[in-house]
C-alpha atoms as a PDB file:
ATOM      1  CA  MET A   1      27.271  52.513 -67.836  1.00  0.00           C
ATOM      2  CA  ARG A   2      27.619  54.315 -64.575  1.00  0.00           C
ATOM      3  CA  GLN A   3      25.805  52.928 -61.422  1.00  0.00           C
ATOM      4  CA  THR A   4      23.844  55.246 -59.221  1.00  0.00           C
ATOM      5  CA  GLY A   5      24.573  55.513 -55.480  1.00  0.00           C
ATOM      6  CA  ASN A   6      21.370  53.785 -54.310  1.00  0.00           C
ATOM      7  CA  GLN A   7      22.398  50.550 -56.090  1.00  0.00           C
ATOM      8  CA  ARG A   8      25.493  49.914 -54.010  1.00  0.00           C
ATOM      9  CA  GLY A   9      25.758  46.696 -51.800  1.00  0.00           C
ATOM     10  CA  TYR A  10      26.534  46.394 -48.057  1.00  0.00           C
ATOM     11  CA  THR A  11      30.006  46.980 -46.827  1.00  0.00           C
ATOM     12  CA  LEU A  12      31.880  44.335 -44.861  1.00  0.00           C
ATOM     13  CA  ILE A  13      31.525  46.363 -41.661  1.00  0.00           C
ATOM     14  CA  GLU A  14      27.760  46.567 -42.089  1.00  0.00           C
ATOM     15  CA  LEU A  15      27.551  42.799 -42.621  1.00  0.00           C
ATOM     16  CA  LEU A  16      29.618  42.130 -39.505  1.00  0.00           C
ATOM     17  CA  ILE A  17      27.410  44.446 -37.440  1.00  0.00           C
ATOM     18  CA  ALA A  18      24.268  42.734 -38.775  1.00  0.00           C
ATOM     19  CA  LEU A  19      25.670  39.275 -38.009  1.00  0.00           C
ATOM     20  CA  THR A  20      26.663  40.355 -34.515  1.00  0.00           C
ATOM     21  CA  LEU A  21      23.221  41.784 -33.795  1.00  0.00           C
ATOM     22  CA  GLY A  22      21.596  38.648 -35.218  1.00  0.00           C
ATOM     23  CA  ALA A  23      23.794  36.437 -33.063  1.00  0.00           C
ATOM     24  CA  PHE A  24      22.818  38.404 -29.936  1.00  0.00           C
ATOM     25  CA  LEU A  25      19.156  38.136 -30.886  1.00  0.00           C
ATOM     26  CA  VAL A  26      19.309  34.380 -31.579  1.00  0.00           C
ATOM     27  CA  GLY A  27      21.333  33.844 -28.397  1.00  0.00           C
ATOM     28  CA  GLY A  28      18.758  35.732 -26.353  1.00  0.00           C
ATOM     29  CA  ILE A  29      15.899  33.714 -27.830  1.00  0.00           C
ATOM     30  CA  LEU A  30      17.811  30.473 -27.275  1.00  0.00           C
ATOM     31  CA  GLN A  31      18.567  31.425 -23.676  1.00  0.00           C
ATOM     32  CA  LEU A  32      14.907  32.255 -23.117  1.00  0.00           C
ATOM     33  CA  TYR A  33      13.885  28.887 -24.592  1.00  0.00           C
ATOM     34  CA  ILE A  34      16.380  26.953 -22.473  1.00  0.00           C
ATOM     35  CA  GLY A  35      15.266  28.775 -19.320  1.00  0.00           C
ATOM     36  CA  SER A  36      11.605  28.163 -20.093  1.00  0.00           C
ATOM     37  CA  LYS A  37      12.270  24.503 -20.856  1.00  0.00           C
ATOM     38  CA  ARG A  38      14.227  24.061 -17.633  1.00  0.00           C
ATOM     39  CA  SER A  39      11.518  25.788 -15.641  1.00  0.00           C
ATOM     40  CA  TYR A  40       8.871  23.589 -17.272  1.00  0.00           C
ATOM     41  CA  ASN A  41      10.820  20.397 -16.512  1.00  0.00           C
ATOM     42  CA  THR A  42      11.345  21.475 -12.912  1.00  0.00           C
ATOM     43  CA  GLN A  43       7.675  22.301 -12.460  1.00  0.00           C
ATOM     44  CA  GLN A  44       6.625  19.048 -14.096  1.00  0.00           C
ATOM     45  CA  ALA A  45       8.970  17.022 -11.875  1.00  0.00           C
ATOM     46  CA  ALA A  46       7.778  18.834  -8.740  1.00  0.00           C
ATOM     47  CA  THR A  47       4.137  18.252  -9.701  1.00  0.00           C
ATOM     48  CA  GLU A  48       4.835  14.590 -10.382  1.00  0.00           C
ATOM     49  CA  LEU A  49       6.490  14.167  -6.987  1.00  0.00           C
ATOM     50  CA  GLN A  50       3.573  15.898  -5.293  1.00  0.00           C
ATOM     51  CA  GLU A  51       0.873  13.846  -7.037  1.00  0.00           C
ATOM     52  CA  ILE A  52       2.544  10.446  -6.731  1.00  0.00           C
ATOM     53  CA  GLY A  53       3.687  11.115  -3.164  1.00  0.00           C
ATOM     54  CA  ARG A  54       0.216  12.152  -2.078  1.00  0.00           C
ATOM     55  CA  PHE A  55      -1.414   9.182  -3.830  1.00  0.00           C
ATOM     56  CA  THR A  56       1.046   6.711  -2.319  1.00  0.00           C
ATOM     57  CA  LEU A  57       0.800   8.118   1.193  1.00  0.00           C
ATOM     58  CA  ASN A  58      -3.017   8.215   1.092  1.00  0.00           C
ATOM     59  CA  ALA A  59      -3.179   4.596  -0.099  1.00  0.00           C
ATOM     60  CA  LEU A  60      -0.937   3.410   2.726  1.00  0.00           C
ATOM     61  CA  VAL A  61      -2.672   5.523   5.372  1.00  0.00           C
ATOM     62  CA  SER A  62      -6.180   4.339   4.466  1.00  0.00           C
ATOM     63  CA  ASP A  63      -5.126   0.677   4.435  1.00  0.00           C
ATOM     64  CA  ILE A  64      -3.040   0.741   7.626  1.00  0.00           C
ATOM     65  CA  ARG A  65      -5.721   2.693   9.484  1.00  0.00           C
ATOM     66  CA  MET A  66      -8.155  -0.205   8.960  1.00  0.00           C
ATOM     67  CA  GLY A  67      -5.648  -2.949   9.802  1.00  0.00           C
ATOM     68  CA  GLY A  68      -7.190  -5.676  11.979  1.00  0.00           C
ATOM     69  CA  PHE A  69     -10.767  -4.548  11.330  1.00  0.00           C
ATOM     70  CA  PHE A  70     -13.040  -7.591  11.288  1.00  0.00           C
ATOM     71  CA  GLY A  71     -16.293  -6.008  12.369  1.00  0.00           C
ATOM     72  CA  CYS A  72     -17.406  -3.715  15.215  1.00  0.00           C
ATOM     73  CA  GLY A  73     -14.150  -3.010  17.006  1.00  0.00           C
ATOM     74  CA  SER A  74     -11.344  -4.859  18.716  1.00  0.00           C
ATOM     75  CA  ARG A  75     -13.587  -6.505  21.316  1.00  0.00           C
ATOM     76  CA  THR A  76     -15.104  -8.879  18.762  1.00  0.00           C
ATOM     77  CA  ASN A  77     -14.239 -12.554  19.312  1.00  0.00           C
ATOM     78  CA  MET A  78     -12.363 -13.828  16.250  1.00  0.00           C
ATOM     79  CA  VAL A  79     -12.355 -17.299  14.644  1.00  0.00           C
ATOM     80  CA  ASN A  80     -10.326 -18.142  11.537  1.00  0.00           C
ATOM     81  CA  ALA A  81     -11.507 -21.364   9.907  1.00  0.00           C
ATOM     82  CA  LEU A  82      -9.087 -21.260   6.959  1.00  0.00           C
ATOM     83  CA  ASN A  83      -6.717 -24.177   6.478  1.00  0.00           C
ATOM     84  CA  SER A  84      -3.823 -21.728   6.048  1.00  0.00           C
ATOM     85  CA  ALA A  85      -4.719 -19.511   9.001  1.00  0.00           C
ATOM     86  CA  ALA A  86      -1.075 -19.401  10.116  1.00  0.00           C
ATOM     87  CA  ASN A  87       0.163 -18.199   6.713  1.00  0.00           C
ATOM     88  CA  TRP A  88       1.110 -14.493   6.716  1.00  0.00           C
ATOM     89  CA  ALA A  89      -1.508 -13.756   4.041  1.00  0.00           C
ATOM     90  CA  TYR A  90      -4.392 -15.161   6.134  1.00  0.00           C
ATOM     91  CA  ASP A  91      -3.130 -14.611   9.678  1.00  0.00           C
ATOM     92  CA  THR A  92      -5.773 -12.662  11.596  1.00  0.00           C
ATOM     93  CA  ASP A  93      -3.839 -12.915  14.867  1.00  0.00           C
ATOM     94  CA  THR A  94      -1.172 -10.630  13.370  1.00  0.00           C
ATOM     95  CA  PRO A  95      -3.083  -8.358  10.974  1.00  0.00           C
ATOM     96  CA  ILE A  96      -0.310  -5.730  11.034  1.00  0.00           C
ATOM     97  CA  LEU A  97       3.161  -7.138  10.412  1.00  0.00           C
ATOM     98  CA  GLY A  98       6.257  -5.183   9.433  1.00  0.00           C
ATOM     99  CA  TYR A  99       9.503  -6.248   7.802  1.00  0.00           C
ATOM    100  CA  GLU A 100      12.718  -4.325   8.394  1.00  0.00           C
ATOM    101  CA  GLY A 101      14.955  -4.073   5.330  1.00  0.00           C
ATOM    102  CA  GLY A 102      18.302  -5.733   5.907  1.00  0.00           C
ATOM    103  CA  ALA A 103      17.158  -7.333   9.159  1.00  0.00           C
ATOM    104  CA  SER A 104      13.891  -9.211   8.544  1.00  0.00           C
ATOM    105  CA  THR A 105      13.149 -12.144   6.266  1.00  0.00           C
ATOM    106  CA  PHE A 106      10.602 -11.029   3.689  1.00  0.00           C
ATOM    107  CA  PRO A 107       7.887 -13.469   2.522  1.00  0.00           C
ATOM    108  CA  GLY A 108       9.030 -15.623  -0.368  1.00  0.00           C
ATOM    109  CA  LEU A 109       6.594 -14.052  -2.809  1.00  0.00           C
ATOM    110  CA  PHE A 110       8.583 -10.814  -2.888  1.00  0.00           C
ATOM    111  CA  ALA A 111      11.774 -11.607  -0.971  1.00  0.00           C
ATOM    112  CA  GLY A 112      13.834 -11.511  -4.169  1.00  0.00           C
ATOM    113  CA  LEU A 113      12.076  -8.394  -5.500  1.00  0.00           C
ATOM    114  CA  ALA A 114      12.372  -5.998  -2.565  1.00  0.00           C
ATOM    115  CA  VAL A 115      15.112  -3.368  -2.775  1.00  0.00           C
ATOM    116  CA  ALA A 116      17.812  -3.800  -0.122  1.00  0.00           C
ATOM    117  CA  ASP A 117      17.383  -1.810   3.125  1.00  0.00           C
ATOM    118  CA  THR A 118      13.812  -0.742   2.356  1.00  0.00           C
ATOM    119  CA  ASP A 119      10.896  -1.736   4.593  1.00  0.00           C
ATOM    120  CA  ALA A 120       7.704  -3.672   3.873  1.00  0.00           C
ATOM    121  CA  ILE A 121       4.376  -4.103   5.634  1.00  0.00           C
ATOM    122  CA  LYS A 122       1.452  -6.539   5.566  1.00  0.00           C
ATOM    123  CA  ILE A 123      -2.114  -5.453   6.415  1.00  0.00           C
ATOM    124  CA  THR A 124      -4.991  -7.891   6.884  1.00  0.00           C
ATOM    125  CA  ARG A 125      -8.542  -6.640   7.359  1.00  0.00           C
ATOM    126  CA  ALA A 126     -12.144  -6.816   6.239  1.00  0.00           C
ATOM    127  CA  ILE A 127     -13.502  -4.339   3.717  1.00  0.00           C
ATOM    128  CA  PRO A 128     -16.357  -2.449   5.432  1.00  0.00           C
ATOM    129  CA  ASP A 129     -19.564  -3.121   3.530  1.00  0.00           C
ATOM    130  CA  ASP A 130     -23.145  -3.424   4.769  1.00  0.00           C
ATOM    131  CA  SER A 131     -24.498  -4.713   1.441  1.00  0.00           C
ATOM    132  CA  TYR A 132     -24.402  -8.381   2.416  1.00  0.00           C
ATOM    133  CA  VAL A 133     -26.905  -8.861   5.256  1.00  0.00           C
ATOM    134  CA  ILE A 134     -27.644 -12.366   6.528  1.00  0.00           C
ATOM    135  CA  ASP A 135     -31.264 -13.456   6.655  1.00  0.00           C
ATOM    136  CA  THR A 136     -30.826 -17.034   7.910  1.00  0.00           C
ATOM    137  CA  HIS A 137     -27.885 -19.275   8.780  1.00  0.00           C
ATOM    138  CA  ALA A 138     -28.255 -23.052   8.814  1.00  0.00           C
ATOM    139  CA  THR A 139     -25.296 -24.335  10.846  1.00  0.00           C
ATOM    140  CA  ALA A 140     -26.110 -27.997  10.116  1.00  0.00           C
ATOM    141  CA  THR A 141     -25.496 -27.482   6.397  1.00  0.00           C
ATOM    142  CA  GLY A 142     -23.080 -24.551   6.579  1.00  0.00           C
ATOM    143  CA  GLN A 143     -25.338 -22.370   4.458  1.00  0.00           C
ATOM    144  CA  MET A 144     -26.087 -18.682   4.810  1.00  0.00           C
ATOM    145  CA  THR A 145     -28.986 -17.028   3.022  1.00  0.00           C
ATOM    146  CA  LEU A 146     -28.665 -13.303   2.402  1.00  0.00           C
ATOM    147  CA  LYS A 147     -31.527 -10.849   2.239  1.00  0.00           C
ATOM    148  CA  THR A 148     -30.595  -9.756  -1.284  1.00  0.00           C
ATOM    149  CA  ALA A 149     -28.748 -11.263  -4.243  1.00  0.00           C
ATOM    150  CA  HIS A 150     -24.967 -10.921  -4.020  1.00  0.00           C
ATOM    151  CA  ASP A 151     -21.982 -10.570  -6.363  1.00  0.00           C
ATOM    152  CA  ILE A 152     -19.652 -12.764  -4.284  1.00  0.00           C
ATOM    153  CA  GLY A 153     -17.689 -15.227  -6.374  1.00  0.00           C
ATOM    154  CA  GLN A 154     -16.711 -18.815  -5.766  1.00  0.00           C
ATOM    155  CA  ASN A 155     -13.712 -19.224  -3.384  1.00  0.00           C
ATOM    156  CA  GLU A 156     -13.750 -15.645  -2.124  1.00  0.00           C
ATOM    157  CA  ILE A 157     -12.689 -15.297   1.500  1.00  0.00           C
ATOM    158  CA  LEU A 158     -15.285 -13.604   3.693  1.00  0.00           C
ATOM    159  CA  VAL A 159     -15.781 -12.361   7.241  1.00  0.00           C
ATOM    160  CA  ALA A 160     -19.106 -12.945   8.980  1.00  0.00           C
ATOM    161  CA  THR A 161     -19.851 -10.817  12.048  1.00  0.00           C
ATOM    162  CA  ASP A 162     -22.632  -9.974  14.469  1.00  0.00           C
ATOM    163  CA  CYS A 163     -20.418  -7.569  16.443  1.00  0.00           C
ATOM    164  CA  LEU A 164     -19.983 -10.147  19.220  1.00  0.00           C
ATOM    165  CA  ASN A 165     -18.297 -12.827  17.143  1.00  0.00           C
ATOM    166  CA  SER A 166     -16.536 -12.742  13.777  1.00  0.00           C
ATOM    167  CA  ALA A 167     -15.450 -15.666  11.603  1.00  0.00           C
ATOM    168  CA  VAL A 168     -13.212 -15.906   8.537  1.00  0.00           C
ATOM    169  CA  PHE A 169     -13.975 -18.603   5.981  1.00  0.00           C
ATOM    170  CA  GLN A 170     -13.775 -19.390   2.273  1.00  0.00           C
ATOM    171  CA  THR A 171     -16.945 -19.755   0.274  1.00  0.00           C
ATOM    172  CA  THR A 172     -17.272 -23.338  -0.973  1.00  0.00           C
ATOM    173  CA  ASN A 173     -20.374 -22.727  -3.052  1.00  0.00           C
ATOM    174  CA  ALA A 174     -21.489 -19.292  -4.164  1.00  0.00           C
ATOM    175  CA  GLY A 175     -23.249 -18.264  -7.332  1.00  0.00           C
ATOM    176  CA  VAL A 176     -23.163 -14.634  -8.405  1.00  0.00           C
ATOM    177  CA  GLY A 177     -26.721 -13.319  -8.454  1.00  0.00           C
ATOM    178  CA  SER A 178     -28.015 -15.796  -5.862  1.00  0.00           C
ATOM    179  CA  THR A 179     -28.629 -15.277  -2.151  1.00  0.00           C
ATOM    180  CA  ILE A 180     -26.784 -18.412  -0.970  1.00  0.00           C
ATOM    181  CA  ILE A 181     -23.306 -18.637   0.586  1.00  0.00           C
ATOM    182  CA  ASN A 182     -21.848 -21.968   1.744  1.00  0.00           C
ATOM    183  CA  HIS A 183     -18.901 -22.534   4.082  1.00  0.00           C
ATOM    184  CA  GLY A 184     -18.339 -26.288   3.980  1.00  0.00           C
ATOM    185  CA  SER A 185     -15.284 -28.131   5.235  1.00  0.00           C
ATOM    186  CA  SER A 186     -14.316 -29.346   1.770  1.00  0.00           C
ATOM    187  CA  GLY A 187     -13.573 -27.583  -1.483  1.00  0.00           C
ATOM    188  CA  GLY A 188     -12.050 -24.168  -2.084  1.00  0.00           C
ATOM    189  CA  THR A 189      -8.588 -23.099  -3.189  1.00  0.00           C
ATOM    190  CA  VAL A 190      -7.530 -22.499   0.410  1.00  0.00           C
ATOM    191  CA  GLY A 191     -10.292 -24.441   2.133  1.00  0.00           C
ATOM    192  CA  ASN A 192     -11.817 -24.435   5.581  1.00  0.00           C
ATOM    193  CA  CYS A 193     -10.549 -26.771   8.296  1.00  0.00           C
ATOM    194  CA  THR A 194     -14.114 -27.216   9.506  1.00  0.00           C
ATOM    195  CA  GLN A 195     -17.669 -26.128   8.797  1.00  0.00           C
ATOM    196  CA  GLY A 196     -18.242 -24.842  12.321  1.00  0.00           C
ATOM    197  CA  LEU A 197     -17.563 -21.146  12.899  1.00  0.00           C
ATOM    198  CA  GLY A 198     -17.811 -21.132  16.690  1.00  0.00           C
ATOM    199  CA  ALA A 199     -15.191 -20.491  19.351  1.00  0.00           C
ATOM    200  CA  PRO A 200     -13.132 -22.307  20.326  1.00  0.00           C
ATOM    201  CA  LEU A 201     -12.403 -23.438  16.788  1.00  0.00           C
ATOM    202  CA  ASN A 202     -12.550 -27.221  16.419  1.00  0.00           C
ATOM    203  CA  CYS A 203     -10.814 -28.505  13.307  1.00  0.00           C
ATOM    204  CA  GLY A 204     -10.966 -32.082  14.524  1.00  0.00           C
ATOM    205  CA  THR A 205     -14.284 -32.822  12.824  1.00  0.00           C
ATOM    206  CA  ALA A 206     -15.973 -31.714   9.614  1.00  0.00           C
ATOM    207  CA  THR A 207     -18.822 -30.041  11.507  1.00  0.00           C
ATOM    208  CA  GLY A 208     -16.590 -28.544  14.196  1.00  0.00           C
ATOM    209  CA  ASN A 209     -18.065 -26.168  16.748  1.00  0.00           C
ATOM    210  CA  PRO A 210     -21.208 -24.591  15.272  1.00  0.00           C
ATOM    211  CA  TYR A 211     -22.105 -20.953  15.717  1.00  0.00           C
ATOM    212  CA  GLN A 212     -25.194 -19.353  14.221  1.00  0.00           C
ATOM    213  CA  PHE A 213     -25.013 -15.857  12.799  1.00  0.00           C
ATOM    214  CA  ASN A 214     -28.554 -14.630  13.258  1.00  0.00           C
ATOM    215  CA  GLU A 215     -30.639 -12.291  11.140  1.00  0.00           C
ATOM    216  CA  ASP A 216     -29.045  -8.906  10.409  1.00  0.00           C
ATOM    217  CA  SER A 217     -25.522 -10.177  10.881  1.00  0.00           C
ATOM    218  CA  PHE A 218     -23.470  -9.250   7.841  1.00  0.00           C
ATOM    219  CA  LEU A 219     -20.676 -10.421   5.562  1.00  0.00           C
ATOM    220  CA  MET A 220     -17.603  -8.524   4.387  1.00  0.00           C
ATOM    221  CA  ARG A 221     -14.819  -9.371   1.983  1.00  0.00           C
ATOM    222  CA  PHE A 222     -11.495 -10.391   3.542  1.00  0.00           C
ATOM    223  CA  GLU A 223      -8.424  -8.569   2.271  1.00  0.00           C
ATOM    224  CA  THR A 224      -4.650  -8.815   2.689  1.00  0.00           C
ATOM    225  CA  ASN A 225      -2.234  -6.328   1.104  1.00  0.00           C
ATOM    226  CA  ALA A 226       1.553  -6.351   1.386  1.00  0.00           C
ATOM    227  CA  TYR A 227       3.532  -3.288   0.288  1.00  0.00           C
ATOM    228  CA  PHE A 228       7.220  -3.193  -0.579  1.00  0.00           C
ATOM    229  CA  ILE A 229       9.730  -1.230  -2.677  1.00  0.00           C
ATOM    230  CA  GLY A 230      10.927  -2.939  -5.866  1.00  0.00           C
ATOM    231  CA  VAL A 231      12.435  -1.980  -9.204  1.00  0.00           C
ATOM    232  CA  GLY A 232       9.712  -0.964 -11.641  1.00  0.00           C
ATOM    233  CA  ALA A 233       9.374  -1.379 -15.394  1.00  0.00           C
ATOM    234  CA  SER A 234      11.270   1.875 -16.017  1.00  0.00           C
ATOM    235  CA  GLY A 235      14.225   0.787 -13.886  1.00  0.00           C
ATOM    236  CA  ARG A 236      13.283   3.192 -11.088  1.00  0.00           C
ATOM    237  CA  ASN A 237      12.283   2.198  -7.570  1.00  0.00           C
ATOM    238  CA  SER A 238       8.525   1.884  -7.205  1.00  0.00           C
ATOM    239  CA  LEU A 239       5.951   0.921  -4.601  1.00  0.00           C
ATOM    240  CA  PHE A 240       4.561  -2.567  -5.229  1.00  0.00           C
ATOM    241  CA  ARG A 241       1.528  -4.300  -3.730  1.00  0.00           C
ATOM    242  CA  VAL A 242       0.691  -7.993  -3.358  1.00  0.00           C
ATOM    243  CA  SER A 243      -2.986  -8.793  -2.723  1.00  0.00           C
ATOM    244  CA  LEU A 244      -5.358 -11.722  -2.548  1.00  0.00           C
ATOM    245  CA  ASP A 245      -7.109 -12.524  -5.818  1.00  0.00           C
ATOM    246  CA  ASN A 246     -10.835 -13.262  -6.015  1.00  0.00           C
ATOM    247  CA  ASP A 247     -10.128 -16.987  -5.675  1.00  0.00           C
ATOM    248  CA  GLY A 248      -8.557 -16.447  -2.266  1.00  0.00           C
ATOM    249  CA  THR A 249      -4.962 -17.052  -3.362  1.00  0.00           C
ATOM    250  CA  LEU A 250      -2.139 -14.514  -3.556  1.00  0.00           C
ATOM    251  CA  GLY A 251      -1.733 -12.670  -6.830  1.00  0.00           C
ATOM    252  CA  VAL A 252       1.453 -11.398  -8.458  1.00  0.00           C
ATOM    253  CA  PRO A 253       3.124  -8.158  -7.280  1.00  0.00           C
ATOM    254  CA  ILE A 254       1.690  -5.083  -9.016  1.00  0.00           C
ATOM    255  CA  GLU A 255       3.561  -1.818  -9.504  1.00  0.00           C
ATOM    256  CA  MET A 256       1.464   0.878  -7.824  1.00  0.00           C
ATOM    257  CA  ALA A 257       3.530   4.065  -7.946  1.00  0.00           C
ATOM    258  CA  GLU A 258       6.752   4.928  -9.775  1.00  0.00           C
ATOM    259  CA  GLY A 259       9.478   7.054  -8.234  1.00  0.00           C
ATOM    260  CA  VAL A 260       9.122   5.857  -4.630  1.00  0.00           C
ATOM    261  CA  ALA A 261      12.840   5.560  -3.871  1.00  0.00           C
ATOM    262  CA  ASP A 262      12.508   4.342  -0.278  1.00  0.00           C
ATOM    263  CA  MET A 263       9.946   3.463   2.400  1.00  0.00           C
ATOM    264  CA  GLN A 264      10.810   3.367   6.083  1.00  0.00           C
ATOM    265  CA  LEU A 265       8.260   2.441   8.746  1.00  0.00           C
ATOM    266  CA  VAL A 266       8.341   2.908  12.514  1.00  0.00           C
ATOM    267  CA  TYR A 267       5.807   1.251  14.825  1.00  0.00           C
ATOM    268  CA  GLY A 268       4.187   2.750  17.918  1.00  0.00           C
ATOM    269  CA  VAL A 269       3.862  -0.007  20.533  1.00  0.00           C
ATOM    270  CA  ASP A 270       1.732  -0.042  23.677  1.00  0.00           C
ATOM    271  CA  ASN A 271       3.872  -1.890  26.235  1.00  0.00           C
ATOM    272  CA  THR A 272       1.625  -1.287  29.250  1.00  0.00           C
ATOM    273  CA  GLY A 273      -1.841  -2.075  27.879  1.00  0.00           C
ATOM    274  CA  ASP A 274      -3.249   1.392  28.567  1.00  0.00           C
ATOM    275  CA  GLY A 275      -4.119   2.055  24.911  1.00  0.00           C
ATOM    276  CA  SER A 276      -1.386   4.628  24.303  1.00  0.00           C
ATOM    277  CA  VAL A 277       1.979   4.363  22.563  1.00  0.00           C
ATOM    278  CA  ASP A 278       4.943   3.847  24.898  1.00  0.00           C
ATOM    279  CA  ALA A 279       7.727   3.456  22.320  1.00  0.00           C
ATOM    280  CA  TYR A 280       8.346   3.743  18.596  1.00  0.00           C
ATOM    281  CA  LEU A 281      10.312   0.753  17.326  1.00  0.00           C
ATOM    282  CA  LEU A 282      11.681  -0.624  14.079  1.00  0.00           C
ATOM    283  CA  ALA A 283      10.070  -3.822  12.809  1.00  0.00           C
ATOM    284  CA  ASP A 284      12.937  -6.075  13.857  1.00  0.00           C
ATOM    285  CA  ALA A 285      12.685  -4.709  17.423  1.00  0.00           C
ATOM    286  CA  VAL A 286       8.983  -5.668  17.749  1.00  0.00           C
ATOM    287  CA  ALA A 287       8.588  -9.171  19.171  1.00  0.00           C
ATOM    288  CA  LEU A 288       6.131 -11.433  17.340  1.00  0.00           C
ATOM    289  CA  ALA A 289       3.845 -11.472  20.368  1.00  0.00           C
ATOM    290  CA  ASP A 290       3.814  -7.653  20.481  1.00  0.00           C
ATOM    291  CA  TRP A 291       2.474  -6.979  17.000  1.00  0.00           C
ATOM    292  CA  GLY A 292      -1.002  -7.056  18.508  1.00  0.00           C
ATOM    293  CA  ASN A 293       0.059  -4.090  20.656  1.00  0.00           C
ATOM    294  CA  VAL A 294       1.054  -1.875  17.732  1.00  0.00           C
ATOM    295  CA  MET A 295      -1.199   1.185  17.970  1.00  0.00           C
ATOM    296  CA  SER A 296       0.207   3.358  15.186  1.00  0.00           C
ATOM    297  CA  VAL A 297       2.581   3.367  12.249  1.00  0.00           C
ATOM    298  CA  GLN A 298       4.829   6.212  11.144  1.00  0.00           C
ATOM    299  CA  ILE A 299       5.185   6.153   7.353  1.00  0.00           C
ATOM    300  CA  ASN A 300       8.189   7.806   5.700  1.00  0.00           C
ATOM    301  CA  LEU A 301       8.397   7.887   1.900  1.00  0.00           C
ATOM    302  CA  LEU A 302      11.239   9.278  -0.209  1.00  0.00           C
ATOM    303  CA  MET A 303      10.150  10.404  -3.672  1.00  0.00           C
ATOM    304  CA  GLU A 304      12.642  11.297  -6.414  1.00  0.00           C
ATOM    305  CA  SER A 305      12.375  12.706  -9.938  1.00  0.00           C
ATOM    306  CA  ASN A 306      13.216  10.513 -12.914  1.00  0.00           C
ATOM    307  CA  ILE A 307      15.609  13.057 -14.477  1.00  0.00           C
ATOM    308  CA  ASP A 308      19.150  13.886 -13.315  1.00  0.00           C
ATOM    309  CA  ARG A 309      20.445  17.472 -13.305  1.00  0.00           C
ATOM    310  CA  ILE A 310      17.004  18.982 -13.114  1.00  0.00           C
ATOM    311  CA  ALA A 311      17.773  21.215 -10.127  1.00  0.00           C
ATOM    312  CA  ASP A 312      20.293  24.056 -10.351  1.00  0.00           C
ATOM    313  CA  ASP A 313      22.171  22.843  -7.277  1.00  0.00           C
ATOM    314  CA  PRO A 314      22.439  19.594  -5.300  1.00  0.00           C
ATOM    315  CA  GLN A 315      19.328  19.109  -3.173  1.00  0.00           C
ATOM    316  CA  SER A 316      19.678  18.228   0.521  1.00  0.00           C
ATOM    317  CA  TYR A 317      17.060  16.239   2.416  1.00  0.00           C
ATOM    318  CA  VAL A 318      16.545  14.462   5.738  1.00  0.00           C
ATOM    319  CA  PHE A 319      14.889  11.044   5.602  1.00  0.00           C
ATOM    320  CA  PHE A 320      14.065   9.529   8.985  1.00  0.00           C
ATOM    321  CA  ASP A 321      14.252   5.752   9.191  1.00  0.00           C
ATOM    322  CA  GLY A 322      13.765   5.411  12.930  1.00  0.00           C
ATOM    323  CA  THR A 323      17.407   5.861  13.856  1.00  0.00           C
ATOM    324  CA  ALA A 324      19.194   8.959  15.127  1.00  0.00           C
ATOM    325  CA  GLY A 325      21.800   8.718  12.381  1.00  0.00           C
ATOM    326  CA  SER A 326      19.175   9.303   9.704  1.00  0.00           C
ATOM    327  CA  LEU A 327      18.601  12.856  10.984  1.00  0.00           C
ATOM    328  CA  THR A 328      21.817  13.963   9.278  1.00  0.00           C
ATOM    329  CA  PRO A 329      21.084  15.776   5.989  1.00  0.00           C
ATOM    330  CA  ILE A 330      21.947  13.912   2.778  1.00  0.00           C
ATOM    331  CA  THR A 331      23.095  15.823  -0.322  1.00  0.00           C
ATOM    332  CA  PRO A 332      23.316  13.647  -3.464  1.00  0.00           C
ATOM    333  CA  ALA A 333      25.331  15.035  -6.386  1.00  0.00           C
ATOM    334  CA  ASP A 334      22.841  14.061  -9.119  1.00  0.00           C
ATOM    335  CA  ASN A 335      20.759  17.284  -8.773  1.00  0.00           C
ATOM    336  CA  ARG A 336      17.517  15.310  -8.814  1.00  0.00           C
ATOM    337  CA  LEU A 337      14.434  16.691  -7.109  1.00  0.00           C
ATOM    338  CA  ARG A 338      13.499  14.765  -3.972  1.00  0.00           C
ATOM    339  CA  ARG A 339      10.734  15.136  -1.470  1.00  0.00           C
ATOM    340  CA  VAL A 340       9.950  13.348   1.779  1.00  0.00           C
ATOM    341  CA  PHE A 341       6.347  12.473   2.679  1.00  0.00           C
ATOM    342  CA  SER A 342       5.587  11.452   6.267  1.00  0.00           C
ATOM    343  CA  SER A 343       2.482  10.617   8.250  1.00  0.00           C
ATOM    344  CA  THR A 344       1.719   8.880  11.534  1.00  0.00           C
ATOM    345  CA  VAL A 345      -1.519   6.894  11.359  1.00  0.00           C
ATOM    346  CA  THR A 346      -3.442   5.405  14.265  1.00  0.00           C
ATOM    347  CA  ILE A 347      -4.790   1.888  13.784  1.00  0.00           C
ATOM    348  CA  ARG A 348      -8.445   2.577  14.506  1.00  0.00           C
ATOM    349  CA  ASN A 349      -9.438  -0.946  15.478  1.00  0.00           C
ATOM    350  CA  ARG A 350      -6.825  -0.945  18.253  1.00  0.00           C
ATOM    351  CA  ALA A 351      -8.191   2.274  19.729  1.00  0.00           C
ATOM    352  CA  ILE A 352     -11.856   1.206  19.850  1.00  0.00           C
END
């Protein structure tokens, strides 16, 4: 039987043309997908750097700005009745203390965790809060009665202030929901060297040198935070924080922000006592006696993406670490996205 013309199949040339056109079409779609995916990854990495960098910088700025605040400005007389007052975590004489990577000895709690050649900083301060107002203070028994019930737990470290005098102590008897706070010379995880909160501090007797905080004086929680760069759970560098727990002892380091590759800090020091910065120094160049003259801190953070080869070309950056040599641009070959976040923050309590 004879076939009609409209029943014939495709010729080899027609098939080859169809395959070629199909390959161009699939290739175009694939190229569009790859470009879109690359653009999405780049945008996601840039957004991540922006968000984490801003969060990290804001956290450091807000904490450092309040360093050394113990109530009503720097002119307040300060007494620290804690047994471990000289320990870096409780030292109110040096509320701002920096550690220079590769040159300083980090505290033992994170000495083995800090990434080489990165900086660290310790900030000690009171948390501003006018919720805990003193009604009466019996110095003979070391008992304060607040005007309202409190949520202060046993062994928390507190700061009492009347804007003329401030005192740091650990609560030796406090019940959540009551109005009573005790500051005896015995008990507590850290403990007080004496019951007396007056200056000069007298740790030679249990009652010490009494000082009465009168009505409308107030209490604030005492806080110490230390920040350093360590290796996080993902294997990337991260910002870590060590803080006091509610029982007054140091807790374990906590990973705060992932992708913080480096932190470098420079300190503005007032050498003449006129309240203005005379020199910016690295931590190892600041004498121990001069930490009380640090007026500002320059924070430099280097953020990096968690994916290699995300940028089309190697990305150059300048990351200042306080030395002239760090002003030379660096161009790593891994094509990661990097961004530098910097801020200079004045320590408010030193300027009041």
